[in-house]
Amino acid sequence: MLKRSSKTRDVNQIAFDVVRLSTGEATPEPVPEKNPAAVALGRLGGMKGGAARAKKLSAKKRTEIAKKAAKTRWGHGTKS
């Protein structure tokens, strides 16, 4: 199950912020800039990761992982 953010906001809070931004009473929060070197390094590792892991695993182990993922996703055999 996906974890949800605990920072849920009420519709009224969102509307209040929209009005404040549109009237110029508040400025939007600045978006922090990412370090391009860190982004490139993370992408490089991410691009390698899945292929390297698949190469390392046996066919039997990959099948077990895929079956477990399918059961988790579709809920087969988890009903009580």
PDB file of N, CA and C in Angstrom:
ATOM      1  N   MET A   1       0.836  -1.172   0.000  1.00  0.00           N
ATOM      2  CA  MET A   1       0.000   0.000   0.000  1.00  0.00           C
ATOM      3  C   MET A   1       0.885   1.241   0.000  1.00  0.00           C
ATOM      4  N   LEU A   2       0.534   2.205  -0.770  1.00  0.00           N
ATOM      5  CA  LEU A   2       1.298   3.440  -0.833  1.00  0.00           C
ATOM      6  C   LEU A   2       1.127   4.236   0.456  1.00  0.00           C
ATOM      7  N   LYS A   3       2.177   4.851   0.895  1.00  0.00           N
ATOM      8  CA  LYS A   3       2.091   5.715   2.058  1.00  0.00           C
ATOM      9  C   LYS A   3       1.615   7.090   1.586  1.00  0.00           C
ATOM     10  N   ARG A   4       0.705   7.639   2.313  1.00  0.00           N
ATOM     11  CA  ARG A   4       0.168   8.946   1.971  1.00  0.00           C
ATOM     12  C   ARG A   4       0.812  10.007   2.839  1.00  0.00           C
ATOM     13  N   SER A   5       0.910  11.181   2.314  1.00  0.00           N
ATOM     14  CA  SER A   5       1.465  12.293   3.064  1.00  0.00           C
ATOM     15  C   SER A   5       0.524  12.662   4.202  1.00  0.00           C
ATOM     16  N   SER A   6       1.099  12.978   5.343  1.00  0.00           N
ATOM     17  CA  SER A   6       0.259  13.365   6.475  1.00  0.00           C
ATOM     18  C   SER A   6      -0.084  14.850   6.424  1.00  0.00           C
ATOM     19  N   LYS A   7       0.389  15.528   5.402  1.00  0.00           N
ATOM     20  CA  LYS A   7       0.144  16.960   5.277  1.00  0.00           C
ATOM     21  C   LYS A   7      -1.079  17.228   4.400  1.00  0.00           C
ATOM     22  N   THR A   8      -2.173  16.528   4.678  1.00  0.00           N
ATOM     23  CA  THR A   8      -3.387  16.751   3.899  1.00  0.00           C
ATOM     24  C   THR A   8      -3.977  18.103   4.277  1.00  0.00           C
ATOM     25  N   ARG A   9      -4.489  18.778   3.281  1.00  0.00           N
ATOM     26  CA  ARG A   9      -5.032  20.108   3.515  1.00  0.00           C
ATOM     27  C   ARG A   9      -6.501  20.119   3.158  1.00  0.00           C
ATOM     28  N   ASP A  10      -7.248  20.854   3.921  1.00  0.00           N
ATOM     29  CA  ASP A  10      -8.676  21.016   3.717  1.00  0.00           C
ATOM     30  C   ASP A  10      -8.905  21.866   2.465  1.00  0.00           C
ATOM     31  N   VAL A  11     -10.040  21.662   1.826  1.00  0.00           N
ATOM     32  CA  VAL A  11     -10.400  22.437   0.634  1.00  0.00           C
ATOM     33  C   VAL A  11     -10.416  23.931   0.959  1.00  0.00           C
ATOM     34  N   ASN A  12     -10.878  24.272   2.149  1.00  0.00           N
ATOM     35  CA  ASN A  12     -10.930  25.679   2.542  1.00  0.00           C
ATOM     36  C   ASN A  12      -9.531  26.280   2.676  1.00  0.00           C
ATOM     37  N   GLN A  13      -8.585  25.510   3.164  1.00  0.00           N
ATOM     38  CA  GLN A  13      -7.207  25.997   3.275  1.00  0.00           C
ATOM     39  C   GLN A  13      -6.617  26.261   1.893  1.00  0.00           C
ATOM     40  N   ILE A  14      -6.882  25.348   0.974  1.00  0.00           N
ATOM     41  CA  ILE A  14      -6.374  25.511  -0.391  1.00  0.00           C
ATOM     42  C   ILE A  14      -6.998  26.747  -1.036  1.00  0.00           C
ATOM     43  N   ALA A  15      -8.310  26.922  -0.861  1.00  0.00           N
ATOM     44  CA  ALA A  15      -8.992  28.090  -1.430  1.00  0.00           C
ATOM     45  C   ALA A  15      -8.441  29.384  -0.841  1.00  0.00           C
ATOM     46  N   PHE A  16      -8.183  29.382   0.466  1.00  0.00           N
ATOM     47  CA  PHE A  16      -7.624  30.559   1.125  1.00  0.00           C
ATOM     48  C   PHE A  16      -6.264  30.916   0.521  1.00  0.00           C
ATOM     49  N   ASP A  17      -5.429  29.917   0.311  1.00  0.00           N
ATOM     50  CA  ASP A  17      -4.116  30.167  -0.290  1.00  0.00           C
ATOM     51  C   ASP A  17      -4.233  30.692  -1.718  1.00  0.00           C
ATOM     52  N   VAL A  18      -5.187  30.163  -2.474  1.00  0.00           N
ATOM     53  CA  VAL A  18      -5.383  30.616  -3.856  1.00  0.00           C
ATOM     54  C   VAL A  18      -5.773  32.088  -3.877  1.00  0.00           C
ATOM     55  N   VAL A  19      -6.680  32.476  -2.986  1.00  0.00           N
ATOM     56  CA  VAL A  19      -7.114  33.879  -2.921  1.00  0.00           C
ATOM     57  C   VAL A  19      -5.939  34.768  -2.520  1.00  0.00           C
ATOM     58  N   ARG A  20      -5.163  34.353  -1.512  1.00  0.00           N
ATOM     59  CA  ARG A  20      -4.011  35.159  -1.069  1.00  0.00           C
ATOM     60  C   ARG A  20      -2.993  35.327  -2.185  1.00  0.00           C
ATOM     61  N   LEU A  21      -2.741  34.258  -2.935  1.00  0.00           N
ATOM     62  CA  LEU A  21      -1.777  34.358  -4.032  1.00  0.00           C
ATOM     63  C   LEU A  21      -2.302  35.238  -5.159  1.00  0.00           C
ATOM     64  N   SER A  22      -3.578  35.123  -5.477  1.00  0.00           N
ATOM     65  CA  SER A  22      -4.134  35.897  -6.587  1.00  0.00           C
ATOM     66  C   SER A  22      -4.240  37.382  -6.269  1.00  0.00           C
ATOM     67  N   THR A  23      -4.392  37.728  -4.998  1.00  0.00           N
ATOM     68  CA  THR A  23      -4.475  39.136  -4.628  1.00  0.00           C
ATOM     69  C   THR A  23      -3.109  39.732  -4.305  1.00  0.00           C
ATOM     70  N   GLY A  24      -2.078  38.897  -4.312  1.00  0.00           N
ATOM     71  CA  GLY A  24      -0.734  39.392  -4.057  1.00  0.00           C
ATOM     72  C   GLY A  24      -0.390  39.527  -2.584  1.00  0.00           C
ATOM     73  N   GLU A  25      -1.223  39.026  -1.700  1.00  0.00           N
ATOM     74  CA  GLU A  25      -0.940  39.101  -0.262  1.00  0.00           C
ATOM     75  C   GLU A  25       0.181  38.152   0.154  1.00  0.00           C
ATOM     76  N   ALA A  26       0.332  37.090  -0.582  1.00  0.00           N
ATOM     77  CA  ALA A  26       1.367  36.108  -0.238  1.00  0.00           C
ATOM     78  C   ALA A  26       2.148  35.765  -1.494  1.00  0.00           C
ATOM     79  N   THR A  27       3.367  35.391  -1.310  1.00  0.00           N
ATOM     80  CA  THR A  27       4.187  34.950  -2.433  1.00  0.00           C
ATOM     81  C   THR A  27       4.322  33.436  -2.352  1.00  0.00           C
ATOM     82  N   PRO A  28       4.373  32.767  -3.483  1.00  0.00           N
ATOM     83  CA  PRO A  28       4.517  31.312  -3.453  1.00  0.00           C
ATOM     84  C   PRO A  28       5.865  30.910  -2.863  1.00  0.00           C
ATOM     85  N   GLU A  29       5.891  29.711  -2.264  1.00  0.00           N
ATOM     86  CA  GLU A  29       7.137  29.226  -1.677  1.00  0.00           C
ATOM     87  C   GLU A  29       8.139  28.952  -2.789  1.00  0.00           C
ATOM     88  N   PRO A  30       9.399  29.336  -2.596  1.00  0.00           N
ATOM     89  CA  PRO A  30      10.405  29.078  -3.634  1.00  0.00           C
ATOM     90  C   PRO A  30      10.689  27.575  -3.749  1.00  0.00           C
ATOM     91  N   VAL A  31      10.894  27.133  -4.977  1.00  0.00           N
ATOM     92  CA  VAL A  31      11.223  25.734  -5.222  1.00  0.00           C
ATOM     93  C   VAL A  31      12.735  25.586  -5.107  1.00  0.00           C
ATOM     94  N   PRO A  32      13.210  24.707  -4.217  1.00  0.00           N
ATOM     95  CA  PRO A  32      14.660  24.558  -4.074  1.00  0.00           C
ATOM     96  C   PRO A  32      15.268  23.974  -5.350  1.00  0.00           C
ATOM     97  N   GLU A  33      16.413  24.522  -5.742  1.00  0.00           N
ATOM     98  CA  GLU A  33      17.078  24.038  -6.949  1.00  0.00           C
ATOM     99  C   GLU A  33      17.858  22.775  -6.625  1.00  0.00           C
ATOM    100  N   LYS A  34      17.890  21.863  -7.586  1.00  0.00           N
ATOM    101  CA  LYS A  34      18.609  20.607  -7.402  1.00  0.00           C
ATOM    102  C   LYS A  34      20.030  20.760  -7.913  1.00  0.00           C
ATOM    103  N   ASN A  35      20.921  20.024  -7.276  1.00  0.00           N
ATOM    104  CA  ASN A  35      22.311  20.001  -7.693  1.00  0.00           C
ATOM    105  C   ASN A  35      22.403  19.142  -8.958  1.00  0.00           C
ATOM    106  N   PRO A  36      22.795  19.724 -10.110  1.00  0.00           N
ATOM    107  CA  PRO A  36      22.828  18.961 -11.362  1.00  0.00           C
ATOM    108  C   PRO A  36      23.757  17.747 -11.304  1.00  0.00           C
ATOM    109  N   ALA A  37      24.867  17.849 -10.580  1.00  0.00           N
ATOM    110  CA  ALA A  37      25.788  16.717 -10.478  1.00  0.00           C
ATOM    111  C   ALA A  37      25.140  15.567  -9.722  1.00  0.00           C
ATOM    112  N   ALA A  38      24.410  15.883  -8.659  1.00  0.00           N
ATOM    113  CA  ALA A  38      23.726  14.848  -7.878  1.00  0.00           C
ATOM    114  C   ALA A  38      22.610  14.202  -8.700  1.00  0.00           C
ATOM    115  N   VAL A  39      21.910  15.003  -9.478  1.00  0.00           N
ATOM    116  CA  VAL A  39      20.838  14.479 -10.325  1.00  0.00           C
ATOM    117  C   VAL A  39      21.424  13.510 -11.348  1.00  0.00           C
ATOM    118  N   ALA A  40      22.523  13.896 -11.987  1.00  0.00           N
ATOM    119  CA  ALA A  40      23.157  13.041 -12.993  1.00  0.00           C
ATOM    120  C   ALA A  40      23.653  11.739 -12.366  1.00  0.00           C
ATOM    121  N   LEU A  41      24.245  11.841 -11.183  1.00  0.00           N
ATOM    122  CA  LEU A  41      24.760  10.657 -10.513  1.00  0.00           C
ATOM    123  C   LEU A  41      23.629   9.710 -10.112  1.00  0.00           C
ATOM    124  N   GLY A  42      22.548  10.268  -9.596  1.00  0.00           N
ATOM    125  CA  GLY A  42      21.396   9.449  -9.223  1.00  0.00           C
ATOM    126  C   GLY A  42      20.766   8.778 -10.426  1.00  0.00           C
ATOM    127  N   ARG A  43      20.671   9.500 -11.514  1.00  0.00           N
ATOM    128  CA  ARG A  43      20.105   8.928 -12.736  1.00  0.00           C
ATOM    129  C   ARG A  43      20.984   7.812 -13.261  1.00  0.00           C
ATOM    130  N   LEU A  44      22.280   7.992 -13.206  1.00  0.00           N
ATOM    131  CA  LEU A  44      23.209   6.982 -13.683  1.00  0.00           C
ATOM    132  C   LEU A  44      23.035   5.687 -12.886  1.00  0.00           C
ATOM    133  N   GLY A  45      22.953   5.810 -11.575  1.00  0.00           N
ATOM    134  CA  GLY A  45      22.758   4.632 -10.731  1.00  0.00           C
ATOM    135  C   GLY A  45      21.413   3.979 -10.985  1.00  0.00           C
ATOM    136  N   GLY A  46      20.389   4.791 -11.174  1.00  0.00           N
ATOM    137  CA  GLY A  46      19.057   4.266 -11.440  1.00  0.00           C
ATOM    138  C   GLY A  46      18.979   3.533 -12.768  1.00  0.00           C
ATOM    139  N   MET A  47      19.688   4.023 -13.743  1.00  0.00           N
ATOM    140  CA  MET A  47      19.675   3.395 -15.056  1.00  0.00           C
ATOM    141  C   MET A  47      20.361   2.028 -15.009  1.00  0.00           C
ATOM    142  N   LYS A  48      21.396   1.909 -14.181  1.00  0.00           N
ATOM    143  CA  LYS A  48      22.136   0.656 -14.080  1.00  0.00           C
ATOM    144  C   LYS A  48      21.437  -0.362 -13.183  1.00  0.00           C
ATOM    145  N   GLY A  49      20.790   0.127 -12.141  1.00  0.00           N
ATOM    146  CA  GLY A  49      20.309  -0.710 -11.054  1.00  0.00           C
ATOM    147  C   GLY A  49      19.466  -1.907 -11.442  1.00  0.00           C
ATOM    148  N   GLY A  50      18.383  -1.687 -12.183  1.00  0.00           N
ATOM    149  CA  GLY A  50      17.486  -2.777 -12.528  1.00  0.00           C
ATOM    150  C   GLY A  50      18.145  -3.839 -13.384  1.00  0.00           C
ATOM    151  N   ALA A  51      18.906  -3.400 -14.365  1.00  0.00           N
ATOM    152  CA  ALA A  51      19.565  -4.351 -15.257  1.00  0.00           C
ATOM    153  C   ALA A  51      20.621  -5.160 -14.510  1.00  0.00           C
ATOM    154  N   ALA A  52      21.373  -4.493 -13.642  1.00  0.00           N
ATOM    155  CA  ALA A  52      22.413  -5.190 -12.878  1.00  0.00           C
ATOM    156  C   ALA A  52      21.784  -6.200 -11.932  1.00  0.00           C
ATOM    157  N   ARG A  53      20.678  -5.840 -11.303  1.00  0.00           N
ATOM    158  CA  ARG A  53      20.010  -6.753 -10.375  1.00  0.00           C
ATOM    159  C   ARG A  53      19.443  -7.948 -11.135  1.00  0.00           C
ATOM    160  N   ALA A  54      18.831  -7.715 -12.278  1.00  0.00           N
ATOM    161  CA  ALA A  54      18.259  -8.804 -13.070  1.00  0.00           C
ATOM    162  C   ALA A  54      19.340  -9.775 -13.539  1.00  0.00           C
ATOM    163  N   LYS A  55      20.501  -9.248 -13.889  1.00  0.00           N
ATOM    164  CA  LYS A  55      21.595 -10.084 -14.353  1.00  0.00           C
ATOM    165  C   LYS A  55      22.120 -10.970 -13.222  1.00  0.00           C
ATOM    166  N   LYS A  56      22.079 -10.427 -12.009  1.00  0.00           N
ATOM    167  CA  LYS A  56      22.609 -11.134 -10.845  1.00  0.00           C
ATOM    168  C   LYS A  56      21.665 -12.247 -10.368  1.00  0.00           C
ATOM    169  N   LEU A  57      20.351 -12.081 -10.568  1.00  0.00           N
ATOM    170  CA  LEU A  57      19.376 -13.050 -10.077  1.00  0.00           C
ATOM    171  C   LEU A  57      19.231 -14.238 -11.027  1.00  0.00           C
ATOM    172  N   SER A  58      18.928 -15.407 -10.441  1.00  0.00           N
ATOM    173  CA  SER A  58      18.661 -16.582 -11.261  1.00  0.00           C
ATOM    174  C   SER A  58      17.241 -16.474 -11.821  1.00  0.00           C
ATOM    175  N   ALA A  59      16.959 -17.279 -12.836  1.00  0.00           N
ATOM    176  CA  ALA A  59      15.625 -17.268 -13.444  1.00  0.00           C
ATOM    177  C   ALA A  59      14.582 -17.686 -12.418  1.00  0.00           C
ATOM    178  N   LYS A  60      14.905 -18.649 -11.566  1.00  0.00           N
ATOM    179  CA  LYS A  60      13.965 -19.126 -10.552  1.00  0.00           C
ATOM    180  C   LYS A  60      13.634 -18.007  -9.559  1.00  0.00           C
ATOM    181  N   LYS A  61      14.653 -17.282  -9.121  1.00  0.00           N
ATOM    182  CA  LYS A  61      14.445 -16.210  -8.149  1.00  0.00           C
ATOM    183  C   LYS A  61      13.632 -15.073  -8.770  1.00  0.00           C
ATOM    184  N   ARG A  62      13.907 -14.735 -10.047  1.00  0.00           N
ATOM    185  CA  ARG A  62      13.137 -13.695 -10.736  1.00  0.00           C
ATOM    186  C   ARG A  62      11.672 -14.089 -10.832  1.00  0.00           C
ATOM    187  N   THR A  63      11.409 -15.389 -11.089  1.00  0.00           N
ATOM    188  CA  THR A  63      10.038 -15.882 -11.176  1.00  0.00           C
ATOM    189  C   THR A  63       9.339 -15.753  -9.827  1.00  0.00           C
ATOM    190  N   GLU A  64      10.038 -16.109  -8.744  1.00  0.00           N
ATOM    191  CA  GLU A  64       9.465 -15.988  -7.403  1.00  0.00           C
ATOM    192  C   GLU A  64       9.114 -14.535  -7.083  1.00  0.00           C
ATOM    193  N   ILE A  65      10.009 -13.632  -7.417  1.00  0.00           N
ATOM    194  CA  ILE A  65       9.781 -12.207  -7.167  1.00  0.00           C
ATOM    195  C   ILE A  65       8.576 -11.718  -7.970  1.00  0.00           C
ATOM    196  N   ALA A  66       8.487 -12.124  -9.233  1.00  0.00           N
ATOM    197  CA  ALA A  66       7.372 -11.698 -10.090  1.00  0.00           C
ATOM    198  C   ALA A  66       6.044 -12.239  -9.569  1.00  0.00           C
ATOM    199  N   LYS A  67       6.026 -13.506  -9.113  1.00  0.00           N
ATOM    200  CA  LYS A  67       4.796 -14.084  -8.578  1.00  0.00           C
ATOM    201  C   LYS A  67       4.353 -13.363  -7.310  1.00  0.00           C
ATOM    202  N   LYS A  68       5.325 -13.064  -6.445  1.00  0.00           N
ATOM    203  CA  LYS A  68       5.004 -12.347  -5.207  1.00  0.00           C
ATOM    204  C   LYS A  68       4.440 -10.961  -5.524  1.00  0.00           C
ATOM    205  N   ALA A  69       5.039 -10.278  -6.510  1.00  0.00           N
ATOM    206  CA  ALA A  69       4.568  -8.943  -6.898  1.00  0.00           C
ATOM    207  C   ALA A  69       3.151  -9.004  -7.455  1.00  0.00           C
ATOM    208  N   ALA A  70       2.866 -10.026  -8.266  1.00  0.00           N
ATOM    209  CA  ALA A  70       1.529 -10.164  -8.841  1.00  0.00           C
ATOM    210  C   ALA A  70       0.503 -10.439  -7.755  1.00  0.00           C
ATOM    211  N   LYS A  71       0.849 -11.312  -6.806  1.00  0.00           N
ATOM    212  CA  LYS A  71      -0.077 -11.603  -5.707  1.00  0.00           C
ATOM    213  C   LYS A  71      -0.339 -10.356  -4.880  1.00  0.00           C
ATOM    214  N   THR A  72       0.711  -9.598  -4.621  1.00  0.00           N
ATOM    215  CA  THR A  72       0.555  -8.376  -3.837  1.00  0.00           C
ATOM    216  C   THR A  72      -0.296  -7.362  -4.596  1.00  0.00           C
ATOM    217  N   ARG A  73      -0.046  -7.229  -5.873  1.00  0.00           N
ATOM    218  CA  ARG A  73      -0.769  -6.235  -6.663  1.00  0.00           C
ATOM    219  C   ARG A  73      -2.236  -6.593  -6.828  1.00  0.00           C
ATOM    220  N   TRP A  74      -2.512  -7.831  -7.131  1.00  0.00           N
ATOM    221  CA  TRP A  74      -3.874  -8.237  -7.452  1.00  0.00           C
ATOM    222  C   TRP A  74      -4.599  -8.855  -6.266  1.00  0.00           C
ATOM    223  N   GLY A  75      -3.910  -9.096  -5.160  1.00  0.00           N
ATOM    224  CA  GLY A  75      -4.561  -9.556  -3.947  1.00  0.00           C
ATOM    225  C   GLY A  75      -4.992 -11.007  -3.956  1.00  0.00           C
ATOM    226  N   HIS A  76      -4.403 -11.847  -4.772  1.00  0.00           N
ATOM    227  CA  HIS A  76      -4.770 -13.258  -4.815  1.00  0.00           C
ATOM    228  C   HIS A  76      -4.244 -13.966  -3.582  1.00  0.00           C
ATOM    229  N   GLY A  77      -5.141 -14.651  -2.896  1.00  0.00           N
ATOM    230  CA  GLY A  77      -4.740 -15.431  -1.737  1.00  0.00           C
ATOM    231  C   GLY A  77      -4.549 -14.624  -0.455  1.00  0.00           C
ATOM    232  N   THR A  78      -4.886 -13.342  -0.459  1.00  0.00           N
ATOM    233  CA  THR A  78      -4.681 -12.529   0.738  1.00  0.00           C
ATOM    234  C   THR A  78      -5.984 -12.280   1.487  1.00  0.00           C
ATOM    235  N   LYS A  79      -7.100 -12.743   0.921  1.00  0.00           N
ATOM    236  CA  LYS A  79      -8.391 -12.497   1.582  1.00  0.00           C
ATOM    237  C   LYS A  79      -8.563 -13.481   2.730  1.00  0.00           C
ATOM    238  N   SER A  80      -9.077 -12.979   3.851  1.00  0.00           N
ATOM    239  CA  SER A  80      -9.278 -13.832   5.006  1.00  0.00           C
ATOM    240  C   SER A  80     -10.730 -14.177   5.170  1.00  0.00           C
TER     241      SER A  80
END
